[in-house]
Structures are given as C-alpha cells and as structure tokens.
C-alpha cells in the first residue's frame, strides 16, 4: 500500500483541537465541470483542512465496487482530522461539506458526489439518533479499513479492542468454504 501523505502545510493544529476523527471519504458521481470521483475525494481532503478543521493525514485514494443499487465504481480514502468540534458539530460540518459538493440525501447506498462518514473518534464510542461512533459498518468494509490502516494502523476499535491493522487483516483473510457448498 502506498505511504500515507500529510495534508496541507506544516502549521500545527490549534491548541483547542482536542478531538481526533477518522473520516471516510467516498465519491462515485462526477460533478459538472469534468470533476470526477478521484478529484472530488482529493478536493474533499482540502475542504477538511479549513478552519475549524485540520486534516493531519490522508490515505491514498483507492477504487472500490459499489454497495447497493449504484453501478458506478467508488473512489475512497480516509482522512485524520483534528478539531475542537464535538461529534455532533463535526457531523454538521461534514454534512455542510457534502452539500457544497452537491450531495443530496435521497437514496441509501445510491450514487453520490461526496460521502463523508465519521468512522472513529478519539473519545471512543457515541450513540445518538443522528450518529453512531464507531461507524456501524467499520469492521466489515475493506474499502474503509484499507485506507484507514494506511493512516492509523494502531488506532483501536473501541468495540472489538482490535487495532485497525488487525481488523483489516481479518477482513482480508480467506474465508473457509461452506461445507454444504462442496457437495454441489
């Protein structure tokens, strides 16, 4: 896997930046003006580096198959962001960025110009009607765990206690063949 790159300049995060978030970034619908999904994901990492947010690392961008009705390939990445914003305010900030990129919330797992998911938070777990942290599907999606392992391999999932590296390795491990399927 390619080495994670630092985002933005060398300036230090604000002293009030007490929260660290892992943000999943995905796109599979181009925007007008010939901005394809990979460019949208890259532009999103720049948007995640504007006050009050500070993008401290970003993963390489990967391609992944869609889940659900969408037929377009996704561009995916993960960014680590420091901020003073608590989780619900961070969710609002992410949804504002999505709207700037033309995101419309109308179909689950449909094509989207930009999808920003709050995957992990330095505060551990949170359950609210608007937000569940860690992300409920974090442990089952290789297109999330691969990029996340590139920027935060030692971050522990507060649910399983495993590191991101361990979760990614488990998901990549070959699955046993169903004994019932062998006789077919």
N, C-alpha and C. Protein backbone atom coordinates (compact mmCIF):
# COMPACT_ATOMS: atom_id res chain seq x y z
N UNK A 1 0.85 -1.17 0.00
CA UNK A 1 0.00 0.00 0.00
C UNK A 1 0.89 1.23 0.00
N UNK A 2 0.47 2.25 -0.71
CA UNK A 2 1.26 3.48 -0.81
C UNK A 2 1.33 4.15 0.56
N UNK A 3 2.39 4.87 0.76
CA UNK A 3 2.60 5.56 2.02
C UNK A 3 1.61 6.72 2.16
N UNK A 4 1.07 6.90 3.36
CA UNK A 4 0.13 7.98 3.61
C UNK A 4 0.84 9.32 3.46
N UNK A 5 0.11 10.30 2.94
CA UNK A 5 0.68 11.63 2.74
C UNK A 5 0.10 12.58 3.76
N UNK A 6 0.89 13.55 4.14
CA UNK A 6 0.42 14.62 5.02
C UNK A 6 -0.37 15.61 4.19
N UNK A 7 -1.43 16.12 4.74
CA UNK A 7 -2.25 17.11 4.04
C UNK A 7 -1.87 18.50 4.50
N UNK A 8 -2.03 19.46 3.62
CA UNK A 8 -1.84 20.87 3.97
C UNK A 8 -0.41 21.25 4.26
N UNK A 9 -0.26 22.39 4.91
CA UNK A 9 1.07 22.92 5.21
C UNK A 9 1.59 22.33 6.52
N UNK A 10 2.74 22.86 6.98
CA UNK A 10 3.37 22.34 8.19
C UNK A 10 2.86 23.01 9.46
N UNK A 11 1.86 23.88 9.36
CA UNK A 11 1.37 24.55 10.55
C UNK A 11 0.77 23.54 11.53
N UNK A 12 0.90 23.83 12.80
CA UNK A 12 0.43 22.94 13.85
C UNK A 12 -1.06 23.14 14.08
N UNK A 13 -1.76 22.08 14.54
CA UNK A 13 -3.18 22.24 14.86
C UNK A 13 -3.35 23.22 16.01
N UNK A 14 -4.50 23.86 16.04
CA UNK A 14 -4.79 24.81 17.12
C UNK A 14 -4.75 24.09 18.46
N UNK A 15 -4.34 24.82 19.52
CA UNK A 15 -4.24 24.20 20.84
C UNK A 15 -5.60 23.72 21.33
N UNK A 16 -6.68 24.31 20.82
CA UNK A 16 -8.01 23.90 21.25
C UNK A 16 -8.50 22.64 20.52
N UNK A 17 -7.72 22.13 19.57
CA UNK A 17 -8.12 20.94 18.82
C UNK A 17 -7.94 19.71 19.70
N UNK A 18 -9.01 19.35 20.41
CA UNK A 18 -8.89 18.25 21.37
C UNK A 18 -9.50 16.95 20.87
N UNK A 19 -10.15 16.97 19.72
CA UNK A 19 -10.75 15.76 19.18
C UNK A 19 -10.01 15.34 17.91
N UNK A 20 -9.81 14.04 17.77
CA UNK A 20 -9.26 13.48 16.54
C UNK A 20 -10.32 12.56 15.95
N UNK A 21 -10.56 12.72 14.65
CA UNK A 21 -11.56 11.91 13.95
C UNK A 21 -10.92 11.22 12.75
N UNK A 22 -11.39 10.02 12.47
CA UNK A 22 -11.07 9.35 11.21
C UNK A 22 -12.31 9.51 10.34
N UNK A 23 -12.13 10.12 9.17
CA UNK A 23 -13.24 10.42 8.28
C UNK A 23 -13.11 9.60 7.00
N UNK A 24 -14.13 8.81 6.70
CA UNK A 24 -14.18 8.07 5.44
C UNK A 24 -14.69 9.00 4.35
N UNK A 25 -14.04 8.95 3.20
CA UNK A 25 -14.39 9.83 2.07
C UNK A 25 -14.69 8.95 0.87
N UNK A 26 -15.83 9.16 0.23
CA UNK A 26 -16.18 8.38 -0.94
C UNK A 26 -16.92 9.22 -1.97
N UNK A 27 -16.75 8.85 -3.23
CA UNK A 27 -17.45 9.53 -4.33
C UNK A 27 -17.59 8.56 -5.49
N UNK A 28 -18.75 8.58 -6.14
CA UNK A 28 -18.91 7.80 -7.37
C UNK A 28 -19.80 8.49 -8.39
N UNK A 29 -20.03 9.77 -8.20
CA UNK A 29 -20.81 10.53 -9.17
C UNK A 29 -20.07 11.82 -9.50
N UNK A 30 -19.71 12.01 -10.77
CA UNK A 30 -18.97 13.23 -11.13
C UNK A 30 -19.83 14.49 -10.96
N UNK A 31 -19.14 15.59 -10.80
CA UNK A 31 -19.80 16.90 -10.77
C UNK A 31 -19.65 17.56 -12.13
N UNK A 32 -20.49 18.54 -12.38
CA UNK A 32 -20.37 19.32 -13.61
C UNK A 32 -18.98 19.96 -13.64
N UNK A 33 -18.48 20.21 -14.82
CA UNK A 33 -17.15 20.80 -14.94
C UNK A 33 -16.07 19.75 -14.99
N UNK A 34 -16.45 18.52 -15.30
CA UNK A 34 -15.49 17.44 -15.50
C UNK A 34 -14.70 17.10 -14.24
N UNK A 35 -15.35 17.16 -13.08
CA UNK A 35 -14.70 16.79 -11.83
C UNK A 35 -15.15 15.38 -11.47
N UNK A 36 -14.28 14.41 -11.71
CA UNK A 36 -14.59 13.01 -11.45
C UNK A 36 -14.43 12.65 -9.99
N UNK A 37 -14.84 11.43 -9.62
CA UNK A 37 -14.79 11.00 -8.22
C UNK A 37 -13.41 11.12 -7.56
N UNK A 38 -12.33 10.76 -8.24
CA UNK A 38 -11.00 10.87 -7.62
C UNK A 38 -10.67 12.33 -7.29
N UNK A 39 -10.99 13.23 -8.20
CA UNK A 39 -10.73 14.66 -7.95
C UNK A 39 -11.63 15.19 -6.83
N UNK A 40 -12.85 14.68 -6.76
CA UNK A 40 -13.76 15.10 -5.69
C UNK A 40 -13.20 14.65 -4.33
N UNK A 41 -12.73 13.41 -4.25
CA UNK A 41 -12.16 12.91 -2.99
C UNK A 41 -10.95 13.76 -2.60
N UNK A 42 -10.09 14.06 -3.56
CA UNK A 42 -8.93 14.91 -3.27
C UNK A 42 -9.38 16.29 -2.79
N UNK A 43 -10.35 16.88 -3.47
CA UNK A 43 -10.86 18.20 -3.07
C UNK A 43 -11.49 18.15 -1.68
N UNK A 44 -12.11 17.04 -1.34
CA UNK A 44 -12.71 16.90 0.00
C UNK A 44 -11.63 16.93 1.08
N UNK A 45 -10.47 16.34 0.82
CA UNK A 45 -9.39 16.39 1.82
C UNK A 45 -8.92 17.83 2.04
N UNK A 46 -8.98 18.63 0.99
CA UNK A 46 -8.64 20.05 1.12
C UNK A 46 -9.70 20.77 1.95
N UNK A 47 -10.98 20.45 1.69
CA UNK A 47 -12.07 21.05 2.47
C UNK A 47 -12.00 20.65 3.94
N UNK A 48 -11.46 19.47 4.22
CA UNK A 48 -11.31 19.00 5.61
C UNK A 48 -10.10 19.64 6.30
N UNK A 49 -9.42 20.53 5.60
CA UNK A 49 -8.25 21.21 6.16
C UNK A 49 -8.50 22.72 6.27
N UNK A 50 -9.75 23.10 6.42
CA UNK A 50 -10.11 24.51 6.61
C UNK A 50 -10.68 24.69 8.00
N UNK A 51 -10.34 25.81 8.63
CA UNK A 51 -10.79 26.07 10.00
C UNK A 51 -12.30 25.89 10.10
N UNK A 52 -12.75 25.26 11.15
CA UNK A 52 -12.04 24.85 12.36
C UNK A 52 -11.46 23.42 12.29
N UNK A 53 -11.36 22.88 11.10
CA UNK A 53 -10.84 21.52 10.91
C UNK A 53 -9.38 21.56 10.51
N UNK A 54 -8.64 20.53 10.87
CA UNK A 54 -7.23 20.42 10.49
C UNK A 54 -6.96 18.98 10.06
N UNK A 55 -6.81 18.78 8.75
CA UNK A 55 -6.50 17.46 8.21
C UNK A 55 -5.02 17.19 8.44
N UNK A 56 -4.71 16.20 9.26
CA UNK A 56 -3.31 15.93 9.59
C UNK A 56 -2.72 14.78 8.78
N UNK A 57 -3.57 13.97 8.15
CA UNK A 57 -3.09 12.88 7.30
C UNK A 57 -4.22 12.42 6.39
N UNK A 58 -3.83 11.91 5.23
CA UNK A 58 -4.83 11.34 4.32
C UNK A 58 -4.23 10.10 3.68
N UNK A 59 -5.09 9.16 3.40
CA UNK A 59 -4.65 7.90 2.78
C UNK A 59 -4.57 8.07 1.27
N UNK A 60 -3.96 7.11 0.61
CA UNK A 60 -4.08 7.09 -0.86
C UNK A 60 -5.54 6.86 -1.23
N UNK A 61 -5.91 7.29 -2.42
CA UNK A 61 -7.27 7.07 -2.94
C UNK A 61 -7.30 5.71 -3.61
N UNK A 62 -8.32 4.91 -3.28
CA UNK A 62 -8.48 3.59 -3.89
C UNK A 62 -9.80 3.53 -4.65
N UNK A 63 -9.95 2.56 -5.52
CA UNK A 63 -11.21 2.31 -6.23
C UNK A 63 -11.89 1.11 -5.56
N UNK A 64 -13.22 1.16 -5.45
CA UNK A 64 -13.96 0.05 -4.86
C UNK A 64 -15.30 -0.13 -5.55
N UNK A 65 -15.82 -1.34 -5.44
CA UNK A 65 -17.13 -1.66 -6.02
C UNK A 65 -18.23 -1.02 -5.18
N UNK A 66 -19.33 -0.67 -5.82
CA UNK A 66 -20.44 -0.06 -5.08
C UNK A 66 -21.20 -1.09 -4.24
N UNK A 67 -21.86 -0.61 -3.21
CA UNK A 67 -22.78 -1.41 -2.40
C UNK A 67 -24.17 -0.91 -2.73
N UNK A 68 -25.11 -1.80 -2.96
CA UNK A 68 -26.48 -1.38 -3.23
C UNK A 68 -26.73 -1.11 -4.69
N UNK A 69 -27.73 -0.25 -4.98
CA UNK A 69 -28.20 -0.07 -6.35
C UNK A 69 -27.26 0.68 -7.29
N UNK A 70 -26.32 1.42 -6.76
CA UNK A 70 -25.42 2.18 -7.63
C UNK A 70 -24.54 1.25 -8.44
N UNK A 71 -24.27 1.58 -9.68
CA UNK A 71 -23.45 0.76 -10.55
C UNK A 71 -22.07 1.36 -10.80
N UNK A 72 -21.83 2.53 -10.28
CA UNK A 72 -20.56 3.22 -10.54
C UNK A 72 -19.51 2.86 -9.50
N UNK A 73 -18.27 2.74 -9.95
CA UNK A 73 -17.14 2.48 -9.06
C UNK A 73 -16.91 3.69 -8.16
N UNK A 74 -16.57 3.42 -6.92
CA UNK A 74 -16.27 4.48 -5.95
C UNK A 74 -14.78 4.79 -5.92
N UNK A 75 -14.47 6.04 -5.60
CA UNK A 75 -13.14 6.45 -5.18
C UNK A 75 -13.26 6.64 -3.67
N UNK A 76 -12.35 6.02 -2.90
CA UNK A 76 -12.41 6.07 -1.44
C UNK A 76 -11.07 6.46 -0.84
N UNK A 77 -11.12 7.12 0.30
CA UNK A 77 -9.93 7.47 1.07
C UNK A 77 -10.36 7.69 2.51
N UNK A 78 -9.38 7.90 3.37
CA UNK A 78 -9.64 8.25 4.77
C UNK A 78 -8.74 9.42 5.13
N UNK A 79 -9.28 10.35 5.90
CA UNK A 79 -8.51 11.49 6.42
C UNK A 79 -8.58 11.49 7.94
N UNK A 80 -7.49 11.89 8.57
CA UNK A 80 -7.49 12.12 10.01
C UNK A 80 -7.61 13.61 10.22
N UNK A 81 -8.58 14.01 11.03
CA UNK A 81 -8.89 15.42 11.22
C UNK A 81 -8.91 15.76 12.70
N UNK A 82 -8.19 16.84 13.07
CA UNK A 82 -8.21 17.37 14.43
C UNK A 82 -9.10 18.61 14.45
N UNK A 83 -9.83 18.77 15.54
CA UNK A 83 -10.71 19.93 15.69
C UNK A 83 -11.17 20.03 17.14
N UNK A 84 -11.68 21.20 17.49
CA UNK A 84 -12.30 21.38 18.80
C UNK A 84 -13.78 20.99 18.76
N UNK A 85 -14.31 20.70 17.58
CA UNK A 85 -15.73 20.37 17.45
C UNK A 85 -16.06 19.03 18.09
N UNK A 86 -17.11 18.98 18.91
CA UNK A 86 -17.57 17.69 19.44
C UNK A 86 -18.26 16.90 18.31
N UNK A 87 -18.54 15.62 18.52
CA UNK A 87 -19.03 14.76 17.44
C UNK A 87 -20.24 15.26 16.66
N UNK A 88 -21.29 15.74 17.31
CA UNK A 88 -22.47 16.18 16.55
C UNK A 88 -22.18 17.43 15.73
N UNK A 89 -21.38 18.33 16.26
CA UNK A 89 -20.97 19.52 15.49
C UNK A 89 -20.08 19.10 14.33
N UNK A 90 -19.25 18.08 14.53
CA UNK A 90 -18.41 17.57 13.44
C UNK A 90 -19.29 16.96 12.36
N UNK A 91 -20.32 16.22 12.75
CA UNK A 91 -21.25 15.67 11.77
C UNK A 91 -21.89 16.79 10.95
N UNK A 92 -22.30 17.86 11.61
CA UNK A 92 -22.87 19.01 10.89
C UNK A 92 -21.86 19.59 9.90
N UNK A 93 -20.61 19.71 10.33
CA UNK A 93 -19.56 20.24 9.44
C UNK A 93 -19.37 19.34 8.23
N UNK A 94 -19.37 18.02 8.45
CA UNK A 94 -19.22 17.07 7.33
C UNK A 94 -20.39 17.18 6.36
N UNK A 95 -21.60 17.30 6.89
CA UNK A 95 -22.78 17.41 6.02
C UNK A 95 -22.79 18.73 5.25
N UNK A 96 -22.24 19.78 5.83
CA UNK A 96 -22.11 21.05 5.11
C UNK A 96 -21.14 20.90 3.95
N UNK A 97 -20.01 20.21 4.18
CA UNK A 97 -19.04 19.97 3.10
C UNK A 97 -19.68 19.12 2.01
N UNK A 98 -20.42 18.08 2.38
CA UNK A 98 -21.11 17.24 1.39
C UNK A 98 -22.04 18.09 0.52
N UNK A 99 -22.79 18.99 1.15
CA UNK A 99 -23.72 19.84 0.41
C UNK A 99 -22.98 20.75 -0.57
N UNK A 100 -21.81 21.24 -0.18
CA UNK A 100 -21.01 22.08 -1.09
C UNK A 100 -20.60 21.31 -2.35
N UNK A 101 -20.51 19.99 -2.23
CA UNK A 101 -20.15 19.14 -3.36
C UNK A 101 -21.39 18.54 -4.04
N UNK A 102 -22.54 19.10 -3.78
CA UNK A 102 -23.76 18.68 -4.46
C UNK A 102 -24.43 17.44 -3.91
N UNK A 103 -24.11 17.03 -2.70
CA UNK A 103 -24.71 15.83 -2.11
C UNK A 103 -26.18 16.06 -1.82
N UNK A 104 -27.00 15.13 -2.27
CA UNK A 104 -28.43 15.12 -1.99
C UNK A 104 -28.74 13.81 -1.28
N UNK A 105 -29.43 13.88 -0.16
CA UNK A 105 -29.75 12.67 0.62
C UNK A 105 -31.13 12.17 0.22
N UNK A 106 -31.15 11.19 -0.68
CA UNK A 106 -32.45 10.68 -1.11
C UNK A 106 -32.48 9.17 -1.22
N UNK A 107 -31.38 8.50 -1.44
CA UNK A 107 -31.40 7.05 -1.56
C UNK A 107 -30.21 6.45 -0.81
N UNK A 108 -30.51 5.49 0.05
CA UNK A 108 -29.43 4.81 0.77
C UNK A 108 -28.60 4.01 -0.22
N UNK A 109 -27.30 4.16 -0.14
CA UNK A 109 -26.33 3.46 -0.98
C UNK A 109 -26.45 3.81 -2.46
N UNK A 110 -27.09 4.90 -2.79
CA UNK A 110 -27.17 5.34 -4.18
C UNK A 110 -25.91 6.10 -4.58
N UNK A 111 -25.84 6.46 -5.86
CA UNK A 111 -24.70 7.24 -6.35
C UNK A 111 -24.67 8.58 -5.62
N UNK A 112 -23.46 9.05 -5.33
CA UNK A 112 -23.33 10.32 -4.63
C UNK A 112 -22.05 11.03 -5.04
N UNK A 113 -22.14 12.33 -5.10
CA UNK A 113 -20.95 13.11 -5.45
C UNK A 113 -19.93 13.07 -4.32
N UNK A 114 -20.39 13.08 -3.07
CA UNK A 114 -19.47 13.01 -1.94
C UNK A 114 -20.18 12.41 -0.73
N UNK A 115 -19.50 11.48 -0.09
CA UNK A 115 -19.99 10.85 1.13
C UNK A 115 -18.88 10.95 2.17
N UNK A 116 -19.15 11.63 3.27
CA UNK A 116 -18.19 11.76 4.36
C UNK A 116 -18.77 11.04 5.58
N UNK A 117 -18.06 10.03 6.07
CA UNK A 117 -18.51 9.26 7.22
C UNK A 117 -17.55 9.43 8.38
N UNK A 118 -18.11 9.69 9.55
CA UNK A 118 -17.32 9.76 10.77
C UNK A 118 -17.11 8.31 11.23
N UNK A 119 -15.89 7.81 11.05
CA UNK A 119 -15.58 6.40 11.31
C UNK A 119 -15.19 6.14 12.76
N UNK A 120 -14.23 6.91 13.25
CA UNK A 120 -13.71 6.76 14.61
C UNK A 120 -13.52 8.14 15.23
N UNK A 121 -13.56 8.18 16.55
CA UNK A 121 -13.39 9.42 17.31
C UNK A 121 -12.48 9.12 18.49
N UNK A 122 -11.58 10.04 18.80
CA UNK A 122 -10.63 9.84 19.90
C UNK A 122 -11.33 9.69 21.24
N UNK A 123 -12.58 10.10 21.33
CA UNK A 123 -13.35 9.94 22.57
C UNK A 123 -13.96 8.57 22.74
N UNK A 124 -13.79 7.69 21.75
CA UNK A 124 -14.30 6.32 21.87
C UNK A 124 -15.63 6.12 21.20
N UNK A 125 -16.64 5.78 22.00
CA UNK A 125 -17.97 5.45 21.47
C UNK A 125 -18.96 6.59 21.68
N UNK A 126 -19.95 6.62 20.80
CA UNK A 126 -21.06 7.55 20.95
C UNK A 126 -22.28 6.95 20.26
N UNK A 127 -23.43 7.07 20.90
CA UNK A 127 -24.67 6.60 20.29
C UNK A 127 -25.71 7.71 20.44
N UNK A 128 -26.18 8.20 19.31
CA UNK A 128 -27.16 9.28 19.25
C UNK A 128 -28.06 8.97 18.07
N UNK A 129 -29.27 9.53 18.05
CA UNK A 129 -30.17 9.23 16.93
C UNK A 129 -29.60 9.69 15.58
N UNK A 130 -28.69 10.65 15.58
CA UNK A 130 -28.08 11.15 14.34
C UNK A 130 -26.73 10.53 14.02
N UNK A 131 -26.10 9.90 15.01
CA UNK A 131 -24.71 9.48 14.83
C UNK A 131 -24.36 8.31 15.74
N UNK A 132 -23.72 7.30 15.16
CA UNK A 132 -23.16 6.19 15.93
C UNK A 132 -21.67 6.12 15.62
N UNK A 133 -20.85 6.17 16.68
CA UNK A 133 -19.40 6.07 16.55
C UNK A 133 -18.93 4.97 17.48
N UNK A 134 -18.09 4.04 17.00
CA UNK A 134 -17.55 3.96 15.65
C UNK A 134 -18.65 3.64 14.63
N UNK A 135 -18.35 3.93 13.38
CA UNK A 135 -19.30 3.68 12.31
C UNK A 135 -19.75 2.22 12.37
N UNK A 136 -21.06 1.96 12.29
CA UNK A 136 -21.57 0.60 12.45
C UNK A 136 -20.99 -0.44 11.48
N UNK A 137 -20.56 -0.02 10.29
CA UNK A 137 -20.04 -0.97 9.31
C UNK A 137 -18.51 -0.93 9.19
N UNK A 138 -17.87 -0.22 10.10
CA UNK A 138 -16.41 -0.05 10.05
C UNK A 138 -15.68 -1.38 9.91
N UNK A 139 -16.06 -2.36 10.72
CA UNK A 139 -15.32 -3.62 10.77
C UNK A 139 -15.58 -4.55 9.60
N UNK A 140 -16.51 -4.21 8.71
CA UNK A 140 -16.88 -5.13 7.62
C UNK A 140 -16.57 -4.60 6.23
N UNK A 141 -15.95 -3.46 6.12
CA UNK A 141 -15.72 -2.86 4.80
C UNK A 141 -14.24 -2.66 4.51
N UNK A 142 -13.74 -3.43 3.56
CA UNK A 142 -12.32 -3.34 3.22
C UNK A 142 -11.98 -1.99 2.59
N UNK A 143 -12.93 -1.37 1.89
CA UNK A 143 -12.66 -0.07 1.27
C UNK A 143 -12.54 1.04 2.32
N UNK A 144 -12.92 0.75 3.56
CA UNK A 144 -12.71 1.67 4.67
C UNK A 144 -11.45 1.27 5.45
N UNK A 145 -11.34 -0.01 5.78
CA UNK A 145 -10.22 -0.47 6.61
C UNK A 145 -8.87 -0.35 5.92
N UNK A 146 -8.81 -0.60 4.61
CA UNK A 146 -7.54 -0.47 3.90
C UNK A 146 -6.97 0.94 3.98
N UNK A 147 -7.74 1.95 3.54
CA UNK A 147 -7.24 3.33 3.67
C UNK A 147 -7.02 3.76 5.13
N UNK A 148 -7.89 3.32 6.03
CA UNK A 148 -7.74 3.68 7.44
C UNK A 148 -6.44 3.10 8.00
N UNK A 149 -6.11 1.88 7.61
CA UNK A 149 -4.86 1.26 8.07
C UNK A 149 -3.63 2.00 7.55
N UNK A 150 -3.77 2.69 6.42
CA UNK A 150 -2.64 3.46 5.87
C UNK A 150 -2.31 4.69 6.71
N UNK A 151 -3.30 5.23 7.42
CA UNK A 151 -3.07 6.46 8.20
C UNK A 151 -3.15 6.26 9.72
N UNK A 152 -3.80 5.19 10.16
CA UNK A 152 -3.97 4.98 11.61
C UNK A 152 -3.97 3.49 11.94
N UNK A 153 -2.91 2.76 11.60
CA UNK A 153 -2.92 1.30 11.80
C UNK A 153 -3.04 0.87 13.26
N UNK A 154 -2.59 1.69 14.19
CA UNK A 154 -2.61 1.30 15.61
C UNK A 154 -3.85 1.79 16.35
N UNK A 155 -4.74 2.53 15.69
CA UNK A 155 -5.94 3.03 16.35
C UNK A 155 -6.81 1.83 16.71
N UNK A 156 -7.25 1.76 17.95
CA UNK A 156 -8.06 0.63 18.41
C UNK A 156 -9.54 0.91 18.24
N UNK A 157 -10.23 -0.07 17.69
CA UNK A 157 -11.68 -0.03 17.60
C UNK A 157 -12.22 -0.18 19.02
N UNK A 158 -13.00 0.77 19.53
CA UNK A 158 -13.48 0.68 20.91
C UNK A 158 -14.49 -0.45 21.13
N UNK A 159 -15.03 -1.03 20.08
CA UNK A 159 -15.99 -2.12 20.23
C UNK A 159 -15.27 -3.46 20.37
N UNK A 160 -14.37 -3.76 19.44
CA UNK A 160 -13.69 -5.07 19.44
C UNK A 160 -12.38 -5.06 20.23
N UNK A 161 -11.79 -3.88 20.42
CA UNK A 161 -10.49 -3.79 21.08
C UNK A 161 -9.33 -4.07 20.14
N UNK A 162 -9.62 -4.42 18.89
CA UNK A 162 -8.57 -4.71 17.90
C UNK A 162 -8.09 -3.43 17.24
N UNK A 163 -6.84 -3.45 16.77
CA UNK A 163 -6.33 -2.30 16.03
C UNK A 163 -6.91 -2.32 14.62
N UNK A 164 -6.84 -1.18 13.96
CA UNK A 164 -7.30 -1.09 12.57
C UNK A 164 -6.51 -2.08 11.70
N UNK A 165 -5.22 -2.20 11.95
CA UNK A 165 -4.39 -3.15 11.19
C UNK A 165 -4.92 -4.58 11.37
N UNK A 166 -5.26 -4.96 12.59
CA UNK A 166 -5.79 -6.29 12.86
C UNK A 166 -7.15 -6.50 12.18
N UNK A 167 -8.00 -5.49 12.24
CA UNK A 167 -9.31 -5.60 11.59
C UNK A 167 -9.17 -5.77 10.09
N UNK A 168 -8.26 -4.99 9.48
CA UNK A 168 -8.03 -5.09 8.04
C UNK A 168 -7.49 -6.46 7.67
N UNK A 169 -6.58 -7.00 8.48
CA UNK A 169 -6.01 -8.33 8.20
C UNK A 169 -7.08 -9.41 8.32
N UNK A 170 -7.96 -9.30 9.30
CA UNK A 170 -9.05 -10.27 9.45
C UNK A 170 -9.97 -10.26 8.23
N UNK A 171 -10.27 -9.07 7.75
CA UNK A 171 -11.18 -8.95 6.62
C UNK A 171 -10.54 -9.47 5.34
N UNK A 172 -9.24 -9.32 5.21
CA UNK A 172 -8.53 -9.76 4.00
C UNK A 172 -8.24 -11.26 4.01
N UNK A 173 -8.33 -11.89 5.18
CA UNK A 173 -8.04 -13.32 5.31
C UNK A 173 -9.05 -14.14 4.51
N UNK A 174 -8.59 -15.17 3.78
CA UNK A 174 -9.52 -16.01 3.01
C UNK A 174 -10.56 -16.64 3.94
N UNK A 175 -11.77 -16.72 3.45
CA UNK A 175 -12.87 -17.29 4.23
C UNK A 175 -12.97 -18.79 3.95
N UNK A 176 -13.33 -19.60 4.97
CA UNK A 176 -13.49 -21.04 4.74
C UNK A 176 -14.66 -21.30 3.80
N UNK A 177 -14.53 -22.34 3.03
CA UNK A 177 -15.60 -22.73 2.11
C UNK A 177 -16.71 -23.39 2.92
N UNK A 178 -17.94 -23.08 2.58
CA UNK A 178 -19.10 -23.67 3.24
C UNK A 178 -19.12 -25.17 2.93
N UNK A 179 -19.07 -26.05 3.95
CA UNK A 179 -19.06 -27.49 3.69
C UNK A 179 -20.24 -27.96 2.85
N UNK A 180 -21.40 -27.34 3.00
CA UNK A 180 -22.57 -27.73 2.21
C UNK A 180 -22.37 -27.41 0.74
N UNK A 181 -21.62 -26.36 0.45
CA UNK A 181 -21.40 -25.95 -0.95
C UNK A 181 -20.42 -26.88 -1.66
N UNK A 182 -19.58 -27.60 -0.92
CA UNK A 182 -18.60 -28.50 -1.53
C UNK A 182 -19.26 -29.63 -2.30
N UNK A 183 -20.40 -30.10 -1.83
CA UNK A 183 -21.04 -31.25 -2.46
C UNK A 183 -21.82 -30.89 -3.72
N UNK A 184 -21.95 -29.64 -4.02
CA UNK A 184 -22.71 -29.22 -5.22
C UNK A 184 -21.95 -29.42 -6.49
